[in-house]
N, C-alpha and C. Protein backbone atom coordinates (compact mmCIF):
# COMPACT_ATOMS: atom_id res chain seq x y z
N MET A 1 0.73 -1.30 0.05
CA MET A 1 0.00 -0.05 0.04
C MET A 1 0.70 1.02 -0.09
N PRO A 2 0.52 2.25 -0.79
CA PRO A 2 1.45 3.20 -0.97
C PRO A 2 1.35 4.01 0.23
N LYS A 3 2.31 4.88 0.68
CA LYS A 3 2.41 5.79 1.96
C LYS A 3 1.38 7.03 1.59
N PRO A 4 0.68 7.66 2.45
CA PRO A 4 -0.08 8.77 2.21
C PRO A 4 0.83 10.05 2.25
N HIS A 5 0.65 10.88 1.28
CA HIS A 5 1.63 12.19 0.92
C HIS A 5 0.74 13.14 0.86
N ALA A 6 0.94 14.46 1.58
CA ALA A 6 -0.05 15.53 1.32
C ALA A 6 0.82 16.69 1.64
N PRO A 7 1.74 17.27 0.65
CA PRO A 7 2.78 18.07 0.60
C PRO A 7 1.82 19.50 0.98
N HIS A 8 0.95 19.59 0.56
CA HIS A 8 0.09 21.11 0.76
C HIS A 8 -0.19 21.29 2.25
N ARG A 9 -0.26 20.28 3.02
CA ARG A 9 -0.65 20.36 4.38
C ARG A 9 0.66 19.69 5.41
N PRO A 10 1.10 20.35 6.71
CA PRO A 10 1.95 19.88 7.70
C PRO A 10 1.54 18.61 8.05
N VAL A 11 2.29 17.90 8.56
CA VAL A 11 2.53 16.59 9.25
C VAL A 11 2.06 16.97 10.68
N VAL A 12 1.11 16.40 11.08
CA VAL A 12 0.68 16.55 12.64
C VAL A 12 0.68 14.99 13.10
N ILE A 13 1.62 14.75 14.23
CA ILE A 13 1.61 13.66 14.90
C ILE A 13 0.99 13.77 16.24
N ALA A 14 -0.22 13.12 16.56
CA ALA A 14 -0.78 13.40 17.90
C ALA A 14 -0.74 12.25 18.92
N ILE A 15 -0.35 12.90 20.26
CA ILE A 15 -0.02 11.82 21.24
C ILE A 15 -0.87 12.24 22.40
N ASP A 16 -1.67 11.08 22.59
CA ASP A 16 -2.68 11.25 23.80
C ASP A 16 -2.23 10.21 25.09
N GLY A 17 -2.86 10.48 26.10
CA GLY A 17 -2.77 9.48 27.19
C GLY A 17 -2.83 10.27 28.37
N PRO A 18 -2.83 9.19 29.71
CA PRO A 18 -3.00 9.71 30.75
C PRO A 18 -1.66 10.57 31.40
N ALA A 19 -1.81 11.07 32.54
CA ALA A 19 -0.61 11.71 33.11
C ALA A 19 0.29 10.64 33.49
N GLY A 20 1.78 10.96 33.36
CA GLY A 20 2.73 9.77 33.76
C GLY A 20 3.03 8.81 32.78
N ALA A 21 2.58 8.69 31.37
CA ALA A 21 2.48 7.81 30.67
C ALA A 21 3.73 7.88 29.99
N GLY A 22 4.39 9.23 29.89
CA GLY A 22 5.52 9.39 29.28
C GLY A 22 5.57 10.37 27.99
N LYS A 23 4.21 11.01 27.92
CA LYS A 23 3.95 11.89 26.81
C LYS A 23 4.80 12.90 26.37
N SER A 24 5.02 13.53 27.60
CA SER A 24 6.00 14.91 27.29
C SER A 24 7.30 14.70 26.97
N THR A 25 7.90 13.40 27.75
CA THR A 25 9.44 13.05 27.30
C THR A 25 9.28 12.58 25.78
N ILE A 26 8.51 11.53 25.30
CA ILE A 26 8.57 10.94 24.26
C ILE A 26 8.21 12.08 23.05
N ALA A 27 7.22 13.01 23.23
CA ALA A 27 7.02 13.82 22.44
C ALA A 27 7.97 14.91 22.15
N ARG A 28 8.75 15.29 23.12
CA ARG A 28 9.83 16.20 22.96
C ARG A 28 11.19 15.26 22.35
N MET A 29 11.33 14.13 22.45
CA MET A 29 12.05 13.15 21.99
C MET A 29 11.81 13.22 20.35
N LEU A 30 10.65 12.84 20.27
CA LEU A 30 10.17 12.69 18.82
C LEU A 30 10.28 13.92 17.99
N ALA A 31 9.70 15.15 18.59
CA ALA A 31 9.87 16.31 17.63
C ALA A 31 11.21 16.69 17.35
N LYS A 32 12.44 16.38 18.29
CA LYS A 32 13.48 16.57 18.17
C LYS A 32 14.30 15.67 16.75
N ASN A 33 13.82 14.41 16.99
CA ASN A 33 14.45 13.58 15.99
C ASN A 33 13.93 13.89 14.62
N LEU A 34 12.59 14.27 14.49
CA LEU A 34 12.00 14.42 13.14
C LEU A 34 12.18 16.21 12.85
N GLY A 35 12.77 16.89 13.76
CA GLY A 35 12.69 18.26 13.47
C GLY A 35 11.51 18.94 13.14
N PHE A 36 10.56 18.66 14.08
CA PHE A 36 9.07 18.92 14.28
C PHE A 36 9.12 20.25 15.31
N PHE A 37 8.27 20.93 15.16
CA PHE A 37 7.61 22.05 16.43
C PHE A 37 6.88 20.88 17.28
N LEU A 38 6.91 21.29 18.63
CA LEU A 38 6.41 20.69 19.58
C LEU A 38 4.87 21.39 20.40
N LEU A 39 3.81 21.21 20.21
CA LEU A 39 2.66 21.57 21.05
C LEU A 39 2.36 20.71 22.31
N ASP A 40 2.79 21.37 23.45
CA ASP A 40 2.52 20.89 24.71
C ASP A 40 1.11 21.57 25.23
N THR A 41 0.16 20.68 25.00
CA THR A 41 -1.45 21.33 25.19
C THR A 41 -1.55 21.53 26.69
N GLY A 42 -0.96 20.64 27.59
CA GLY A 42 -1.23 20.58 28.83
C GLY A 42 -0.59 22.07 29.32
N ALA A 43 0.37 22.56 28.84
CA ALA A 43 0.87 23.68 29.16
C ALA A 43 -0.03 24.80 28.89
N LEU A 44 -0.92 24.85 27.79
CA LEU A 44 -2.08 25.66 27.50
C LEU A 44 -2.93 25.67 28.79
N TYR A 45 -3.21 24.56 29.13
CA TYR A 45 -4.66 24.51 30.10
C TYR A 45 -3.86 24.83 31.84
N ARG A 46 -2.44 24.80 31.67
CA ARG A 46 -1.99 25.55 33.09
C ARG A 46 -1.99 26.91 33.09
N VAL A 47 -1.81 27.55 31.81
CA VAL A 47 -1.91 29.06 31.74
C VAL A 47 -3.23 29.40 31.92
N VAL A 48 -4.13 28.81 31.33
CA VAL A 48 -5.43 29.18 31.93
C VAL A 48 -5.99 29.19 33.17
N ALA A 49 -5.26 28.06 33.74
CA ALA A 49 -5.46 27.74 35.16
C ALA A 49 -4.88 28.76 35.99
N LEU A 50 -3.83 29.54 35.56
CA LEU A 50 -2.98 30.27 36.27
C LEU A 50 -3.91 31.60 36.15
N HIS A 51 -4.03 31.87 34.79
CA HIS A 51 -5.14 33.25 34.79
C HIS A 51 -6.35 33.16 35.32
N LEU A 52 -6.88 32.10 35.40
CA LEU A 52 -8.35 32.12 36.24
C LEU A 52 -7.95 32.20 37.62
N SER A 53 -6.87 31.66 38.33
CA SER A 53 -6.54 31.72 39.63
C SER A 53 -6.37 33.21 39.93
N ARG A 54 -5.57 33.62 39.16
CA ARG A 54 -5.22 35.16 39.53
C ARG A 54 -6.41 35.87 39.51
N LEU A 55 -7.32 35.77 38.79
CA LEU A 55 -8.71 36.39 38.96
C LEU A 55 -9.75 35.79 40.08
N GLY A 56 -9.06 35.13 40.70
CA GLY A 56 -9.70 34.51 41.82
C GLY A 56 -11.05 33.94 41.67
N ILE A 57 -11.18 32.88 40.61
CA ILE A 57 -12.14 32.20 40.29
C ILE A 57 -11.84 30.51 40.88
N ASP A 58 -12.73 30.19 41.40
CA ASP A 58 -12.86 28.96 42.04
C ASP A 58 -13.04 27.73 40.96
N PRO A 59 -12.10 26.78 40.82
CA PRO A 59 -12.24 25.82 39.74
C PRO A 59 -13.68 24.98 40.13
N ASP A 60 -14.22 24.87 41.27
CA ASP A 60 -15.51 24.28 41.55
C ASP A 60 -16.82 25.18 41.54
N ALA A 61 -16.54 26.49 40.97
CA ALA A 61 -17.87 27.21 40.78
C ALA A 61 -18.58 26.62 39.57
N GLU A 62 -19.64 27.02 39.71
CA GLU A 62 -20.96 26.65 38.50
C GLU A 62 -20.42 26.88 37.26
N ALA A 63 -19.82 28.10 37.11
CA ALA A 63 -19.55 28.31 35.78
C ALA A 63 -18.20 29.26 35.53
N VAL A 64 -17.44 29.06 34.64
CA VAL A 64 -16.29 30.16 34.46
C VAL A 64 -16.88 31.39 33.76
N PRO A 65 -17.13 32.60 34.17
CA PRO A 65 -17.57 33.71 33.57
C PRO A 65 -16.95 33.96 32.10
N ASP A 66 -17.62 34.13 31.44
CA ASP A 66 -17.13 34.48 29.91
C ASP A 66 -16.26 35.88 29.79
N GLN A 67 -16.44 36.60 30.45
CA GLN A 67 -15.44 37.84 30.63
C GLN A 67 -14.10 37.30 31.11
N ALA A 68 -14.07 36.20 32.12
CA ALA A 68 -12.65 35.80 32.40
C ALA A 68 -11.93 35.11 31.18
N LEU A 69 -12.80 34.36 30.51
CA LEU A 69 -11.90 33.73 29.10
C LEU A 69 -11.95 34.67 28.25
N ALA A 70 -12.71 35.62 28.14
CA ALA A 70 -12.33 36.84 26.68
C ALA A 70 -11.14 37.44 27.45
N SER A 71 -10.85 37.48 28.34
CA SER A 71 -9.82 38.45 28.77
C SER A 71 -8.32 37.58 28.88
N LEU A 72 -8.70 36.55 28.31
CA LEU A 72 -7.38 35.65 28.30
C LEU A 72 -6.61 35.67 27.00
N HIS A 73 -5.18 36.22 27.22
CA HIS A 73 -4.25 36.39 26.04
C HIS A 73 -3.17 35.60 26.09
N VAL A 74 -3.13 34.60 25.55
CA VAL A 74 -2.02 33.39 25.22
C VAL A 74 -1.43 33.49 24.22
N ARG A 75 -0.13 33.39 24.27
CA ARG A 75 0.53 33.30 22.80
C ARG A 75 1.75 32.40 22.93
N ILE A 76 1.82 31.64 21.84
CA ILE A 76 2.83 30.28 21.92
C ILE A 76 3.99 30.80 21.09
N GLU A 77 5.16 30.56 21.41
CA GLU A 77 6.23 30.44 20.67
C GLU A 77 6.84 29.19 20.42
N PRO A 78 6.36 28.39 19.17
CA PRO A 78 6.74 27.15 19.04
C PRO A 78 8.54 27.31 18.61
N GLU A 79 9.07 26.26 19.39
CA GLU A 79 10.48 26.11 19.00
C GLU A 79 10.78 24.58 18.73
N LEU A 80 11.98 24.08 18.03
CA LEU A 80 12.20 22.90 17.71
C LEU A 80 12.30 21.96 19.15
N ALA A 81 11.36 20.99 18.95
CA ALA A 81 10.86 20.12 19.93
C ALA A 81 10.61 20.83 21.31
N ASP A 82 10.23 22.03 21.49
CA ASP A 82 10.01 22.94 22.67
C ASP A 82 8.90 23.94 22.19
N MET A 83 8.56 24.54 23.52
CA MET A 83 7.65 25.73 23.11
C MET A 83 7.64 26.67 24.27
N ARG A 84 7.62 28.10 24.23
CA ARG A 84 7.35 28.86 25.21
C ARG A 84 5.89 29.62 25.31
N VAL A 85 5.20 29.70 26.37
CA VAL A 85 4.23 30.26 26.59
C VAL A 85 4.19 31.55 27.29
N PHE A 86 3.34 32.45 26.55
CA PHE A 86 3.12 33.84 27.26
C PHE A 86 1.62 34.22 27.78
N LEU A 87 1.43 34.47 28.95
CA LEU A 87 0.52 35.19 29.53
C LEU A 87 0.48 36.84 29.33
N ASP A 88 -0.53 37.00 28.41
CA ASP A 88 -0.34 38.55 28.15
C ASP A 88 1.29 38.65 27.69
N HIS A 89 1.95 39.40 28.29
CA HIS A 89 3.43 39.72 27.87
C HIS A 89 4.37 39.18 28.80
N GLU A 90 3.91 38.31 29.66
CA GLU A 90 4.75 37.21 30.73
C GLU A 90 5.00 35.89 30.25
N ASP A 91 6.33 35.81 30.29
CA ASP A 91 6.69 34.60 29.98
C ASP A 91 6.63 33.54 31.28
N VAL A 92 5.40 32.62 31.20
CA VAL A 92 5.23 31.80 32.35
C VAL A 92 5.55 30.35 32.07
N SER A 93 6.41 30.17 30.99
CA SER A 93 6.70 28.67 30.82
C SER A 93 7.16 27.97 31.90
N SER A 94 7.93 28.53 32.79
CA SER A 94 8.55 27.97 34.16
C SER A 94 7.42 27.82 35.20
N LEU A 95 6.81 28.91 35.28
CA LEU A 95 5.90 28.91 36.50
C LEU A 95 4.78 28.06 36.47
N ILE A 96 4.13 27.82 35.35
CA ILE A 96 3.31 27.04 35.12
C ILE A 96 3.48 25.37 35.25
N ARG A 97 4.64 25.25 35.54
CA ARG A 97 5.13 23.77 36.06
C ARG A 97 4.83 23.34 37.66
N GLU A 98 4.61 24.57 38.25
CA GLU A 98 4.54 23.97 39.67
C GLU A 98 3.14 23.19 39.84
N GLU A 99 3.28 22.29 40.68
CA GLU A 99 2.21 21.20 40.87
C GLU A 99 0.94 21.63 41.25
N GLN A 100 1.16 22.87 42.11
CA GLN A 100 -0.71 23.57 42.40
C GLN A 100 -1.39 23.81 41.02
N ILE A 101 -0.50 24.52 40.09
CA ILE A 101 -0.78 24.94 38.92
C ILE A 101 -1.37 23.92 38.05
N GLY A 102 -0.75 22.65 38.26
CA GLY A 102 -1.11 21.54 37.52
C GLY A 102 -2.35 20.89 38.04
N ASN A 103 -2.52 21.00 39.39
CA ASN A 103 -3.99 20.25 40.01
C ASN A 103 -4.97 21.15 39.49
N LEU A 104 -4.86 22.55 39.36
CA LEU A 104 -5.79 23.36 39.34
C LEU A 104 -6.50 23.36 37.42
N ALA A 105 -5.09 23.11 36.87
CA ALA A 105 -5.50 22.86 35.31
C ALA A 105 -6.52 21.65 35.11
N SER A 106 -5.98 20.70 35.89
CA SER A 106 -6.73 19.43 35.63
C SER A 106 -8.44 19.83 36.05
N ARG A 107 -8.53 20.59 37.07
CA ARG A 107 -9.94 20.84 37.53
C ARG A 107 -10.49 21.71 36.52
N PHE A 108 -9.88 22.84 35.82
CA PHE A 108 -10.30 23.66 35.17
C PHE A 108 -10.58 22.97 34.04
N SER A 109 -9.84 22.02 33.30
CA SER A 109 -9.91 21.45 32.19
C SER A 109 -11.37 20.50 31.71
N VAL A 110 -11.80 20.23 32.84
CA VAL A 110 -13.11 19.45 32.63
C VAL A 110 -14.21 20.48 32.02
N ARG A 111 -14.12 21.65 32.06
CA ARG A 111 -15.13 22.85 31.80
C ARG A 111 -15.32 22.68 30.26
N PRO A 112 -16.39 22.58 29.71
CA PRO A 112 -16.49 22.91 28.38
C PRO A 112 -16.07 24.11 27.74
N GLU A 113 -16.34 25.12 28.23
CA GLU A 113 -15.89 26.29 27.78
C GLU A 113 -14.45 26.78 27.87
N VAL A 114 -13.79 25.89 28.64
CA VAL A 114 -12.42 26.12 28.95
C VAL A 114 -11.73 25.35 27.56
N ARG A 115 -12.03 24.34 27.46
CA ARG A 115 -11.78 23.59 26.11
C ARG A 115 -12.17 24.19 24.87
N ARG A 116 -12.99 24.67 24.93
CA ARG A 116 -13.47 25.49 23.55
C ARG A 116 -12.68 26.64 23.34
N ALA A 117 -12.40 27.31 24.57
CA ALA A 117 -11.63 28.54 24.36
C ALA A 117 -10.21 28.20 23.90
N LEU A 118 -9.55 27.10 23.99
CA LEU A 118 -8.23 26.61 23.41
C LEU A 118 -8.20 26.08 22.19
N LEU A 119 -9.32 25.56 21.76
CA LEU A 119 -9.35 24.50 20.62
C LEU A 119 -8.84 25.18 19.32
N GLU A 120 -9.27 26.57 19.03
CA GLU A 120 -8.75 27.21 17.74
C GLU A 120 -6.97 27.53 17.95
N LEU A 121 -6.86 28.04 19.11
CA LEU A 121 -5.68 28.30 19.15
C LEU A 121 -4.71 26.88 18.97
N GLN A 122 -4.74 25.83 19.46
CA GLN A 122 -4.32 24.61 19.14
C GLN A 122 -4.15 24.21 17.63
N ARG A 123 -5.15 24.62 16.97
CA ARG A 123 -5.20 24.12 15.70
C ARG A 123 -4.43 25.08 14.70
N SER A 124 -4.41 26.28 15.23
CA SER A 124 -3.77 27.13 14.37
C SER A 124 -2.27 26.92 14.23
N VAL A 125 -1.80 26.12 15.49
CA VAL A 125 -0.36 25.85 15.44
C VAL A 125 -0.07 24.98 14.16
N GLY A 126 -1.27 23.70 14.45
CA GLY A 126 -0.99 22.63 13.41
C GLY A 126 -1.34 23.10 12.18
N ALA A 127 -1.61 23.93 11.50
CA ALA A 127 -1.95 24.60 10.35
C ALA A 127 -0.77 25.18 9.74
N SER A 128 0.29 25.50 10.67
CA SER A 128 1.42 26.22 9.92
C SER A 128 2.81 25.71 9.92
N ALA A 129 2.71 24.34 10.76
CA ALA A 129 4.30 23.64 10.74
C ALA A 129 4.02 22.14 11.01
N ASN A 130 5.00 21.67 10.76
CA ASN A 130 5.05 20.04 11.04
C ASN A 130 5.14 20.26 12.40
N LEU A 131 4.18 19.16 13.06
CA LEU A 131 3.83 19.14 14.49
C LEU A 131 3.91 17.89 15.39
N VAL A 132 4.35 18.00 16.33
CA VAL A 132 4.17 16.80 17.37
C VAL A 132 3.29 17.20 18.36
N ALA A 133 2.05 16.79 18.61
CA ALA A 133 0.95 17.54 19.46
C ALA A 133 0.85 16.46 20.59
N GLU A 134 1.04 16.91 21.65
CA GLU A 134 0.76 16.06 22.90
C GLU A 134 -0.24 16.67 23.95
N GLY A 135 -1.38 15.61 24.39
CA GLY A 135 -2.36 16.02 25.29
C GLY A 135 -2.98 14.73 25.68
N ARG A 136 -4.41 15.18 25.77
CA ARG A 136 -5.32 14.07 26.14
C ARG A 136 -6.75 14.08 25.00
N ASP A 137 -6.68 14.88 24.20
CA ASP A 137 -7.80 14.89 23.15
C ASP A 137 -7.13 15.19 21.76
N MET A 138 -5.95 15.09 21.71
CA MET A 138 -5.24 15.51 20.17
C MET A 138 -5.81 14.69 19.16
N GLY A 139 -6.04 13.55 19.37
CA GLY A 139 -6.46 12.62 18.27
C GLY A 139 -7.92 12.26 18.16
N THR A 140 -8.73 12.74 18.90
CA THR A 140 -9.72 12.48 19.47
C THR A 140 -10.56 13.98 18.56
N VAL A 141 -10.28 14.95 19.21
CA VAL A 141 -11.02 16.26 18.99
C VAL A 141 -10.32 17.62 18.33
N VAL A 142 -8.91 17.60 18.61
CA VAL A 142 -8.16 18.68 18.03
C VAL A 142 -7.68 18.54 16.57
N PHE A 143 -6.83 17.39 16.75
CA PHE A 143 -6.71 17.06 15.17
C PHE A 143 -7.06 15.61 14.80
N PRO A 144 -8.38 15.57 14.53
CA PRO A 144 -8.99 14.08 14.33
C PRO A 144 -8.73 13.56 12.92
N HIS A 145 -7.81 14.64 12.13
CA HIS A 145 -7.31 14.23 10.79
C HIS A 145 -5.70 14.09 10.84
N ALA A 146 -5.35 13.94 12.05
CA ALA A 146 -3.94 13.82 12.21
C ALA A 146 -3.30 12.53 11.27
N GLN A 147 -2.10 12.91 10.52
CA GLN A 147 -1.36 11.36 9.88
C GLN A 147 -1.20 10.40 10.66
N VAL A 148 -0.74 10.59 12.01
CA VAL A 148 -0.27 9.60 13.03
C VAL A 148 -0.85 9.70 14.18
N LYS A 149 -1.39 8.96 15.02
CA LYS A 149 -1.76 9.03 16.26
C LYS A 149 -1.27 7.92 17.22
N PHE A 150 -0.74 8.34 18.33
CA PHE A 150 -0.72 7.53 19.46
C PHE A 150 -1.33 7.54 20.63
N PHE A 151 -1.55 6.67 21.43
CA PHE A 151 -2.02 6.82 22.75
C PHE A 151 -1.31 6.15 23.77
N LEU A 152 -0.60 6.82 24.58
CA LEU A 152 0.63 6.05 25.38
C LEU A 152 -0.40 5.75 26.60
N THR A 153 0.27 4.65 27.20
CA THR A 153 -0.47 4.33 28.41
C THR A 153 0.65 3.45 29.47
N ALA A 154 0.35 3.38 30.69
CA ALA A 154 1.46 2.56 31.52
C ALA A 154 0.82 2.08 32.75
N ASP A 155 1.12 1.08 33.65
CA ASP A 155 0.39 0.81 34.82
C ASP A 155 0.45 2.16 35.75
N PRO A 156 -0.92 2.20 36.25
CA PRO A 156 -1.01 3.41 37.17
C PRO A 156 0.30 3.55 38.51
N GLU A 157 0.60 2.44 38.99
CA GLU A 157 1.52 2.72 40.17
C GLU A 157 3.00 3.48 39.41
N GLN A 158 3.50 2.93 38.12
CA GLN A 158 4.50 3.60 37.53
C GLN A 158 4.40 4.89 37.17
N ARG A 159 3.09 5.25 36.56
CA ARG A 159 2.87 6.54 36.19
C ARG A 159 3.14 7.51 37.38
N ALA A 160 2.62 7.13 38.46
CA ALA A 160 2.73 7.92 39.83
C ALA A 160 4.14 7.99 40.28
N GLN A 161 4.68 6.96 40.25
CA GLN A 161 5.99 6.86 40.53
C GLN A 161 7.13 8.03 39.59
N ARG A 162 6.84 7.98 38.42
CA ARG A 162 7.27 8.73 37.34
C ARG A 162 7.00 10.24 37.68
N ARG A 163 5.95 10.45 37.65
CA ARG A 163 5.48 11.96 38.18
C ARG A 163 6.10 12.20 39.59
N TYR A 164 5.94 11.66 40.63
CA TYR A 164 6.82 11.89 41.54
C TYR A 164 8.34 12.02 41.69
N GLN A 165 9.03 11.44 41.10
CA GLN A 165 10.38 11.58 40.59
C GLN A 165 10.80 12.92 39.81
N GLU A 166 9.52 13.06 39.10
CA GLU A 166 9.82 14.24 38.16
C GLU A 166 9.59 15.55 39.46
N LEU A 167 8.80 15.74 40.10
CA LEU A 167 8.64 16.65 40.94
C LEU A 167 9.68 16.84 41.82
N LEU A 168 10.32 15.71 42.64
CA LEU A 168 11.40 15.87 43.14
C LEU A 168 12.77 16.31 42.26
N GLU A 169 12.77 15.86 41.14
CA GLU A 169 14.09 16.39 40.42
C GLU A 169 13.77 17.72 39.94
N ARG A 170 12.70 18.55 40.27
CA ARG A 170 12.36 20.00 40.21
C ARG A 170 12.56 20.82 41.51
N GLY A 171 12.83 20.03 42.51
CA GLY A 171 12.93 20.74 43.79
C GLY A 171 11.62 20.63 44.58
N GLN A 172 10.54 20.27 43.93
CA GLN A 172 9.27 20.26 44.92
C GLN A 172 9.19 19.50 45.91
N VAL A 173 8.92 19.60 47.02
CA VAL A 173 8.49 18.94 48.26
C VAL A 173 7.15 18.40 48.16
N VAL A 174 6.93 17.18 47.84
CA VAL A 174 5.71 16.30 47.77
C VAL A 174 5.66 15.16 48.49
N ALA A 175 4.63 14.66 48.94
CA ALA A 175 4.75 13.31 49.40
C ALA A 175 4.28 12.22 48.34
N TRP A 176 4.69 11.04 48.30
CA TRP A 176 4.22 10.01 47.44
C TRP A 176 2.69 9.87 47.14
N GLN A 177 2.25 9.57 48.24
CA GLN A 177 0.64 9.40 48.38
C GLN A 177 -0.25 10.32 47.86
N GLU A 178 0.23 11.59 48.16
CA GLU A 178 -0.44 12.66 47.55
C GLU A 178 -0.28 12.77 45.99
N VAL A 179 0.96 12.56 45.46
CA VAL A 179 1.13 12.34 43.94
C VAL A 179 -0.02 11.20 43.40
N ARG A 180 0.09 10.03 44.07
CA ARG A 180 -0.67 8.84 43.50
C ARG A 180 -2.03 9.24 43.49
N ASP A 181 -2.72 9.87 44.78
CA ASP A 181 -4.08 10.00 45.00
C ASP A 181 -4.43 11.20 43.93
N GLU A 182 -3.63 12.09 43.61
CA GLU A 182 -4.10 13.01 42.70
C GLU A 182 -4.16 12.63 41.30
N MET A 183 -3.18 11.77 41.10
CA MET A 183 -3.01 11.09 39.68
C MET A 183 -4.48 10.36 39.65
N ARG A 184 -4.79 9.61 40.69
CA ARG A 184 -5.97 8.78 40.52
C ARG A 184 -7.45 9.71 40.06
N ALA A 185 -7.13 10.89 40.85
CA ALA A 185 -8.38 11.75 40.88
C ALA A 185 -8.43 12.53 39.34
N ARG A 186 -7.24 12.52 39.07
CA ARG A 186 -7.03 13.25 37.53
C ARG A 186 -7.51 12.30 36.44
N ASP A 187 -7.07 11.11 36.63
CA ASP A 187 -7.53 10.18 35.68
C ASP A 187 -9.26 10.03 35.72
N GLN A 188 -9.71 10.02 36.67
CA GLN A 188 -11.05 9.93 37.02
C GLN A 188 -11.80 11.24 36.22
N ARG A 189 -11.39 12.37 36.39
CA ARG A 189 -11.86 13.47 35.93
C ARG A 189 -11.47 13.36 34.11
N ASP A 190 -10.34 12.95 33.97
CA ASP A 190 -10.31 12.95 32.44
C ASP A 190 -11.24 11.98 31.70
N GLU A 191 -11.22 10.89 32.23
CA GLU A 191 -12.06 9.93 31.67
C GLU A 191 -13.74 10.21 31.75
N SER A 192 -14.25 10.80 32.64
CA SER A 192 -15.67 11.05 32.89
C SER A 192 -16.15 12.49 32.41
N ARG A 193 -15.21 13.46 31.94
CA ARG A 193 -15.72 14.45 31.61
C ARG A 193 -16.61 14.32 30.42
N LYS A 194 -17.70 15.26 30.21
CA LYS A 194 -18.67 15.29 29.22
C LYS A 194 -18.07 15.94 27.85
N GLU A 195 -16.97 16.94 28.12
CA GLU A 195 -16.32 17.43 26.96
C GLU A 195 -15.05 16.75 26.62
N ALA A 196 -14.87 16.16 25.56
CA ALA A 196 -13.61 15.56 25.18
C ALA A 196 -12.89 14.58 26.31
N PRO A 197 -13.62 13.51 26.55
CA PRO A 197 -13.10 12.91 27.52
C PRO A 197 -11.88 11.93 27.08
N LEU A 198 -11.18 11.63 28.04
CA LEU A 198 -9.90 10.82 27.80
C LEU A 198 -9.91 9.41 27.13
N PHE A 199 -9.82 8.79 25.74
CA PHE A 199 -9.72 7.49 25.53
C PHE A 199 -9.08 7.52 23.89
N PRO A 200 -8.44 6.22 23.63
CA PRO A 200 -7.70 6.35 22.39
C PRO A 200 -8.57 6.67 21.22
N ALA A 201 -8.10 7.37 20.18
CA ALA A 201 -8.94 7.28 18.65
C ALA A 201 -8.84 6.17 18.25
N ALA A 202 -9.96 5.76 17.31
CA ALA A 202 -10.34 4.29 16.92
C ALA A 202 -9.17 4.30 15.98
N ASP A 203 -8.12 5.09 15.49
CA ASP A 203 -7.09 4.68 14.54
C ASP A 203 -5.79 5.15 15.20
N ALA A 204 -5.97 5.16 16.50
CA ALA A 204 -4.61 5.71 17.25
C ALA A 204 -3.81 4.06 17.50
N VAL A 205 -2.57 4.00 17.53
CA VAL A 205 -1.48 3.22 17.91
C VAL A 205 -1.51 3.23 19.60
N VAL A 206 -1.91 2.11 20.40
CA VAL A 206 -1.81 2.00 21.63
C VAL A 206 -0.52 1.73 21.97
N VAL A 207 0.27 2.33 22.99
CA VAL A 207 1.78 1.98 23.09
C VAL A 207 1.51 1.85 24.96
N ASP A 208 2.03 0.86 25.23
CA ASP A 208 2.13 0.77 26.79
C ASP A 208 3.80 0.75 27.11
N THR A 209 4.04 1.81 27.84
CA THR A 209 5.37 2.41 28.03
C THR A 209 6.05 1.64 29.58
N THR A 210 5.09 0.72 30.17
CA THR A 210 5.53 0.22 31.45
C THR A 210 6.87 -0.58 31.44
N GLY A 211 7.50 -0.33 32.11
CA GLY A 211 8.81 -0.95 32.30
C GLY A 211 9.77 -0.94 30.80
N VAL A 212 9.24 0.10 29.80
CA VAL A 212 9.99 0.07 28.65
C VAL A 212 10.68 1.64 28.54
N SER A 213 12.13 1.61 28.24
CA SER A 213 12.87 2.73 28.12
C SER A 213 12.35 3.64 27.11
N PRO A 214 12.65 4.98 27.35
CA PRO A 214 12.14 6.14 26.42
C PRO A 214 12.53 5.87 25.08
N ASP A 215 14.11 5.35 24.95
CA ASP A 215 14.54 5.24 23.89
C ASP A 215 14.08 4.19 23.19
N LEU A 216 13.59 2.86 23.43
CA LEU A 216 12.67 1.81 22.87
C LEU A 216 11.22 2.25 22.44
N VAL A 217 10.83 2.83 23.20
CA VAL A 217 9.48 3.53 23.11
C VAL A 217 9.52 4.59 21.74
N LEU A 218 10.41 5.33 21.84
CA LEU A 218 10.70 6.23 20.64
C LEU A 218 11.15 5.54 19.40
N GLN A 219 12.07 4.36 19.18
CA GLN A 219 12.45 3.77 18.13
C GLN A 219 10.90 3.23 17.50
N SER A 220 10.02 2.34 18.28
CA SER A 220 9.13 1.85 17.92
C SER A 220 7.94 2.54 17.32
N MET A 221 7.77 3.95 17.82
CA MET A 221 7.20 5.08 17.22
C MET A 221 7.57 5.59 15.91
N LEU A 222 9.02 5.75 15.86
CA LEU A 222 9.50 6.20 14.76
C LEU A 222 9.41 5.27 13.60
N ASP A 223 9.49 4.12 13.96
CA ASP A 223 9.46 2.88 12.94
C ASP A 223 8.17 2.92 12.29
N HIS A 224 6.92 3.09 13.12
CA HIS A 224 5.55 3.22 12.85
C HIS A 224 5.35 4.26 11.73
N ILE A 225 5.94 5.70 12.35
CA ILE A 225 5.55 6.72 11.77
C ILE A 225 6.31 6.71 10.20
N LYS A 226 7.43 6.07 10.16
CA LYS A 226 8.16 6.17 8.90
C LYS A 226 7.61 4.91 7.92
N SER A 227 6.70 4.21 8.51
CA SER A 227 5.57 3.24 7.80
C SER A 227 4.62 3.79 6.92
N VAL A 228 4.04 4.78 7.59
CA VAL A 228 2.97 5.54 6.82
C VAL A 228 2.91 6.66 6.52
N VAL A 229 4.14 7.61 6.62
CA VAL A 229 4.07 8.82 6.26
C VAL A 229 5.40 9.05 5.21
N ASP A 230 5.07 9.61 4.31
CA ASP A 230 6.28 9.88 3.21
C ASP A 230 6.88 11.14 3.17
N PHE A 231 7.71 11.55 4.08
CA PHE A 231 8.36 12.71 4.39
C PHE A 231 8.99 13.25 3.06
């Protein structure tokens, strides 16, 4: 069967999966290997969470006010295998990585109005450059026509351990059980939300990263990409 080739539009590789499955690590490695831009959609939801928290909006409120989302000004500067994120004119790329912002992002992201507010911004990046897009609804909602789709998963305990280790390496003081419990709660929110729940796209390749090194995961994904896309 001939490989699909569409020179008139950029190649989009969509990577979805739960927290701790290795999406961010693999997406960055993949983008670097292919020379693609990286779209970290989790970072965008963290920016929204930072913006709304600064406005004093409770993530458990009945609704996020329209004016709060209308006042949101997010700018992305895609880079090779990376991206910087600005809230208004402030570079918040590092600030949004704090665990508190991550937890707020998980709670705000279940809101349909929040997801809709970011949809076109995400798609605009994929319309302009070859892209590795990682998140939780890349292959199902944001880029349903992506040429390649992956869904990464792993054993829940290993996912929690990865997240715990990542936070420690950033110098954040956290308790293992708190990380595990928050991850379980995040999984439940992601899988049960009405707007864009987390599940593999019908045409996604499911990759279990449990006990597998990032290098081996990367190689298997590269092999699949090269078998279906003619660069």
